[in-house]
Amino acid sequence: MTFETLKFAFGVVAALFVLWFALSRLGRFLSWVERSEIARQQAEAERGNKAAPPAAAPAPVARETDGIPAHHVVVIAAAVAAYGYRVVHIADAGAGHAWAAEGRWRHQTSHHTH
């Protein structure tokens, strides 16, 4: 065996060890997340059984003059009711493209042409 072969073999062994270590830590982290989520759901179910949740206030009726069509309000209210009154994010579908376009523009203009 040559010295280069030994270096390559040591590199492969080290890379496999790092991969094994990272995957084992990832597995531990994911199992911890799963256990904490199960515990949170159980605690939430116990709280839900003890006291009835307060009734949600009815959503204000949107008029066509407000700029929001009534059927949009109905769909949003149904989505909120289905999700359990926890709205995560509601935005236009086209929102956020400006950030990506700005990032692409900055990246492409950062290169020096020679």
Protein backbone atom coordinates (compact mmCIF):
# COMPACT_ATOMS: atom_id res chain seq x y z
CA MET A 1 0.00 0.00 0.00
CA THR A 2 1.19 3.44 -0.79
CA PHE A 3 0.89 6.50 1.38
CA GLU A 4 -1.70 8.01 -0.98
CA THR A 5 -3.89 4.92 -0.67
CA LEU A 6 -3.65 5.08 3.11
CA LYS A 7 -4.61 8.76 3.09
CA PHE A 8 -7.58 8.03 0.84
CA ALA A 9 -8.69 5.09 3.04
CA PHE A 10 -8.40 7.23 6.17
CA GLY A 11 -10.44 9.96 4.49
CA VAL A 12 -13.17 7.50 3.55
CA VAL A 13 -13.28 6.09 7.08
CA ALA A 14 -13.43 9.60 8.55
CA ALA A 15 -16.19 10.64 6.14
CA LEU A 16 -18.22 7.53 6.99
CA PHE A 17 -17.78 8.21 10.71
CA VAL A 18 -18.94 11.81 10.31
CA LEU A 19 -21.92 10.66 8.24
CA TRP A 20 -22.85 8.03 10.83
CA PHE A 21 -22.52 10.56 13.66
CA ALA A 22 -24.64 13.17 11.85
CA LEU A 23 -27.36 10.66 11.00
CA SER A 24 -27.49 9.35 14.56
CA ARG A 25 -27.83 12.89 15.94
CA LEU A 26 -30.50 13.66 13.35
CA GLY A 27 -32.41 10.55 14.41
CA ARG A 28 -32.20 11.56 18.05
CA PHE A 29 -33.41 15.07 17.23
CA LEU A 30 -36.34 13.82 15.15
CA SER A 31 -37.41 11.37 17.85
CA TRP A 32 -37.26 14.19 20.42
CA VAL A 33 -39.43 16.38 18.17
CA GLU A 34 -41.93 13.55 17.76
CA ARG A 35 -42.09 12.87 21.51
CA SER A 36 -42.57 16.56 22.33
CA GLU A 37 -45.29 16.90 19.68
CA ILE A 38 -47.14 13.89 21.07
CA ALA A 39 -46.88 15.30 24.59
CA ARG A 40 -48.14 18.69 23.38
CA GLN A 41 -51.11 17.09 21.63
CA GLN A 42 -51.97 15.05 24.72
CA ALA A 43 -51.79 18.13 26.95
CA GLU A 44 -53.92 20.07 24.51
CA ALA A 45 -56.49 17.27 24.42
CA GLU A 46 -56.61 17.18 28.21
CA ARG A 47 -57.13 20.93 28.36
CA GLY A 48 -59.83 20.66 25.72
CA ASN A 49 -61.68 18.01 27.73
CA LYS A 50 -61.62 20.06 30.94
CA ALA A 51 -63.15 23.25 29.62
CA ALA A 52 -65.14 23.97 26.51
CA PRO A 53 -63.41 26.45 24.21
CA PRO A 54 -65.06 29.85 24.02
CA ALA A 55 -67.23 30.43 21.01
CA ALA A 56 -65.54 32.45 18.32
CA ALA A 57 -66.97 35.83 17.52
CA PRO A 58 -68.69 35.88 14.15
CA ALA A 59 -66.63 37.38 11.39
CA PRO A 60 -67.82 40.76 10.18
CA VAL A 61 -69.77 40.56 6.96
CA ALA A 62 -67.78 41.99 4.08
CA ARG A 63 -69.57 44.18 1.61
CA GLU A 64 -68.55 44.45 -2.02
CA THR A 65 -67.70 48.10 -1.41
CA ASP A 66 -65.04 47.08 1.14
CA GLY A 67 -62.90 45.61 -1.62
CA ILE A 68 -63.05 42.05 -0.25
CA PRO A 69 -65.57 39.81 -1.99
CA ALA A 70 -67.93 38.03 0.38
CA HIS A 71 -67.03 34.58 -0.96
CA HIS A 72 -63.36 35.20 -0.06
CA VAL A 73 -64.36 35.92 3.53
CA VAL A 74 -66.41 32.73 3.62
CA VAL A 75 -63.51 30.62 2.34
CA ILE A 76 -61.05 32.17 4.80
CA ALA A 77 -63.49 31.66 7.69
CA ALA A 78 -63.95 28.01 6.68
CA ALA A 79 -60.18 27.49 6.52
CA VAL A 80 -59.73 29.08 9.96
CA ALA A 81 -62.52 26.91 11.39
CA ALA A 82 -61.01 23.77 9.89
CA TYR A 83 -57.55 24.56 11.22
CA GLY A 84 -58.77 25.18 14.75
CA TYR A 85 -58.61 28.97 14.95
CA ARG A 86 -54.84 29.07 14.43
CA VAL A 87 -54.10 31.09 11.34
CA VAL A 88 -50.55 30.49 10.25
CA HIS A 89 -50.21 32.80 7.27
CA ILE A 90 -52.56 34.34 4.75
CA ALA A 91 -51.06 36.33 1.91
CA ASP A 92 -51.29 36.84 -1.81
CA ALA A 93 -49.92 33.99 -3.86
CA GLY A 94 -47.63 36.36 -5.73
CA ALA A 95 -46.18 37.93 -2.58
CA GLY A 96 -42.52 37.31 -1.90
CA HIS A 97 -41.30 37.20 -5.48
CA ALA A 98 -39.73 40.63 -5.09
CA TRP A 99 -37.26 39.27 -2.52
CA ALA A 100 -36.22 36.44 -4.82
CA ALA A 101 -35.86 38.77 -7.81
CA GLU A 102 -33.78 41.19 -5.74
CA GLY A 103 -31.53 38.36 -4.56
CA ARG A 104 -31.03 37.04 -8.08
CA TRP A 105 -30.27 40.52 -9.36
CA ARG A 106 -27.70 41.18 -6.60
CA HIS A 107 -26.06 37.81 -7.15
CA GLN A 108 -25.82 38.22 -10.90
CA THR A 109 -24.49 41.78 -10.71
CA SER A 110 -21.92 40.91 -8.04
CA HIS A 111 -19.70 39.06 -10.51
CA HIS A 112 -16.93 40.97 -12.21
CA THR A 113 -16.74 40.43 -15.93
CA HIS A 114 -13.22 40.35 -17.26
